[in-house]
Amino acid sequence: MILIVAAAVLGAFAGLYVQPRLFALAIGLSVSGAAHLVLTFVGRLSEGRANEADVRAVLDFITFAGVHGIWPVMAAAGTGTLLAAVAWSVLRKDSTDAFWLPSDDTGGRRNGLRSMDMVTDREVHSAARERLDEILKR
């Protein structure tokens, strides 16, 4: 149970501070899933030891036992990430277009449609276009 809350908080921090936001989602999901798998591995390592019951009790308190307990942890991390990102976007007073879309100050380097306007048509381009049309028999 503690791991679910920790995963949601981790996801919220990632959703607020990591850009791009899809990368934040990937970070939140992978770190929370890895934490659950490490704790499950530690539980498996304790099998056959004298303090196995104590280790199992602590791990059951921190997280769900078994491999299928990973889904609630990852769902909490993903939900925390998405809610934090959307809440940050909605609660801002100024424009949040740069949050979701690339800004215009890149000079068109990131948007293929805008950057095509920067290309000037030269003789080399028209000759290449004619060769391609000849090859494709248009």
Protein backbone atom coordinates (compact mmCIF):
# COMPACT_ATOMS: atom_id res chain seq x y z
CA MET A 1 0.00 0.00 0.00
CA ILE A 2 2.84 2.38 0.75
CA LEU A 3 4.32 1.74 -2.68
CA ILE A 4 1.07 2.78 -4.37
CA VAL A 5 1.12 6.15 -2.62
CA ALA A 6 4.84 6.55 -3.34
CA ALA A 7 4.25 5.72 -7.02
CA ALA A 8 1.46 8.30 -7.26
CA VAL A 9 3.66 10.98 -5.68
CA LEU A 10 6.57 10.03 -7.95
CA GLY A 11 4.27 10.21 -10.96
CA ALA A 12 2.99 13.62 -9.88
CA PHE A 13 6.53 14.98 -9.55
CA ALA A 14 7.45 13.54 -12.94
CA GLY A 15 4.29 15.00 -14.48
CA LEU A 16 5.15 18.46 -13.19
CA TYR A 17 8.85 18.68 -13.86
CA VAL A 18 9.82 16.33 -16.71
CA GLN A 19 9.31 17.42 -20.29
CA PRO A 20 8.10 16.14 -22.71
CA ARG A 21 5.13 14.88 -20.78
CA LEU A 22 5.03 11.48 -22.50
CA PHE A 23 8.59 10.95 -21.27
CA ALA A 24 7.37 11.84 -17.78
CA LEU A 25 4.71 9.16 -18.08
CA ALA A 26 7.31 6.62 -19.17
CA ILE A 27 9.57 7.57 -16.26
CA GLY A 28 6.77 7.29 -13.70
CA LEU A 29 5.62 3.92 -15.00
CA SER A 30 9.06 2.39 -15.35
CA VAL A 31 10.42 3.54 -11.98
CA SER A 32 7.32 2.43 -10.09
CA GLY A 33 7.26 -0.91 -11.89
CA ALA A 34 10.97 -1.43 -11.24
CA ALA A 35 10.53 -0.61 -7.55
CA HIS A 36 7.78 -3.20 -7.26
CA LEU A 37 9.85 -5.81 -9.05
CA VAL A 38 12.87 -5.16 -6.83
CA LEU A 39 10.76 -5.55 -3.70
CA THR A 40 9.28 -8.77 -5.07
CA PHE A 41 12.81 -10.01 -5.82
CA VAL A 42 13.89 -9.21 -2.25
CA GLY A 43 10.92 -11.21 -1.01
CA ARG A 44 11.98 -14.17 -3.14
CA LEU A 45 15.54 -13.91 -1.83
CA SER A 46 14.29 -14.20 1.74
CA GLU A 47 12.73 -17.63 1.16
CA GLY A 48 14.25 -20.26 3.37
CA ARG A 49 15.86 -17.82 5.79
CA ALA A 50 15.16 -17.57 9.48
CA ASN A 51 13.46 -14.16 9.23
CA GLU A 52 11.35 -14.98 6.17
CA ALA A 53 8.06 -14.28 7.96
CA ASP A 54 9.27 -10.87 9.11
CA VAL A 55 10.48 -9.90 5.65
CA ARG A 56 7.21 -11.09 4.09
CA ALA A 57 5.18 -9.08 6.60
CA VAL A 58 7.13 -5.91 5.85
CA LEU A 59 6.93 -6.41 2.08
CA ASP A 60 3.21 -7.14 2.26
CA PHE A 61 2.79 -3.90 4.18
CA ILE A 62 4.77 -1.94 1.58
CA THR A 63 3.30 -3.52 -1.54
CA PHE A 64 0.95 -6.22 -2.74
CA ALA A 65 2.42 -9.69 -2.85
CA GLY A 66 2.87 -11.42 -6.16
CA VAL A 67 3.57 -10.35 -9.69
CA HIS A 68 0.02 -9.12 -10.36
CA GLY A 69 0.36 -6.51 -7.63
CA ILE A 70 2.37 -4.41 -10.07
CA TRP A 71 -0.72 -3.18 -11.93
CA PRO A 72 -2.15 -1.01 -9.13
CA VAL A 73 1.29 0.49 -8.55
CA MET A 74 1.76 1.38 -12.21
CA ALA A 75 -1.81 2.65 -12.49
CA ALA A 76 -1.22 4.98 -9.55
CA ALA A 77 2.01 6.27 -11.11
CA GLY A 78 0.38 6.84 -14.50
CA THR A 79 -2.66 8.52 -12.99
CA GLY A 80 -0.47 10.74 -10.82
CA THR A 81 1.59 11.77 -13.83
CA LEU A 82 -1.38 12.56 -16.05
CA LEU A 83 -3.35 14.37 -13.36
CA ALA A 84 -0.38 16.52 -12.39
CA ALA A 85 0.36 17.42 -16.01
CA VAL A 86 -3.26 18.28 -16.79
CA ALA A 87 -3.73 20.20 -13.52
CA TRP A 88 -0.58 22.20 -14.19
CA SER A 89 -1.86 23.04 -17.65
CA VAL A 90 -5.36 24.00 -16.52
CA LEU A 91 -4.39 26.06 -13.47
CA ARG A 92 -1.89 28.29 -15.26
CA LYS A 93 -3.03 31.84 -15.93
CA ASP A 94 -0.87 32.41 -19.00
CA SER A 95 -0.85 30.43 -22.22
CA THR A 96 0.15 26.79 -21.95
CA ASP A 97 0.59 26.15 -25.65
CA ALA A 98 4.31 25.56 -25.15
CA PHE A 99 3.40 22.85 -22.66
CA TRP A 100 1.64 20.71 -25.25
CA LEU A 101 2.92 22.00 -28.60
CA PRO A 102 6.39 22.98 -29.80
CA SER A 103 7.07 26.68 -29.57
CA ASP A 104 7.51 28.92 -32.60
CA ASP A 105 10.91 30.17 -31.48
CA THR A 106 12.60 27.02 -32.82
CA GLY A 107 12.71 28.60 -36.25
CA GLY A 108 10.68 25.79 -37.78
CA ARG A 109 13.32 23.15 -37.07
CA ARG A 110 10.92 20.79 -35.31
CA ASN A 111 7.91 21.04 -37.53
CA GLY A 112 8.35 19.53 -40.96
CA LEU A 113 5.48 21.48 -42.51
CA ARG A 114 6.76 24.85 -41.36
CA SER A 115 10.35 24.05 -42.24
CA MET A 116 9.41 23.19 -45.82
CA ASP A 117 8.60 26.86 -46.32
CA MET A 118 12.22 27.64 -45.57
CA VAL A 119 13.49 25.56 -48.53
CA THR A 120 14.10 27.54 -51.69
CA ASP A 121 13.50 25.75 -54.96
CA ARG A 122 16.70 25.52 -56.99
CA GLU A 123 17.73 23.94 -60.29
CA VAL A 124 19.11 20.92 -58.46
CA HIS A 125 15.70 20.28 -56.91
CA SER A 126 13.82 20.59 -60.16
CA ALA A 127 16.33 18.30 -61.93
CA ALA A 128 16.01 15.71 -59.18
CA ARG A 129 12.22 15.96 -59.35
CA GLU A 130 12.35 15.41 -63.14
CA ARG A 131 14.62 12.36 -62.73
CA LEU A 132 12.28 10.91 -60.13
CA ASP A 133 9.26 11.49 -62.33
CA GLU A 134 11.11 9.83 -65.21
CA ILE A 135 11.97 6.80 -63.07
CA LEU A 136 8.43 6.48 -61.77
CA LYS A 137 7.01 7.25 -65.23
CA ARG A 138 4.55 9.84 -64.09
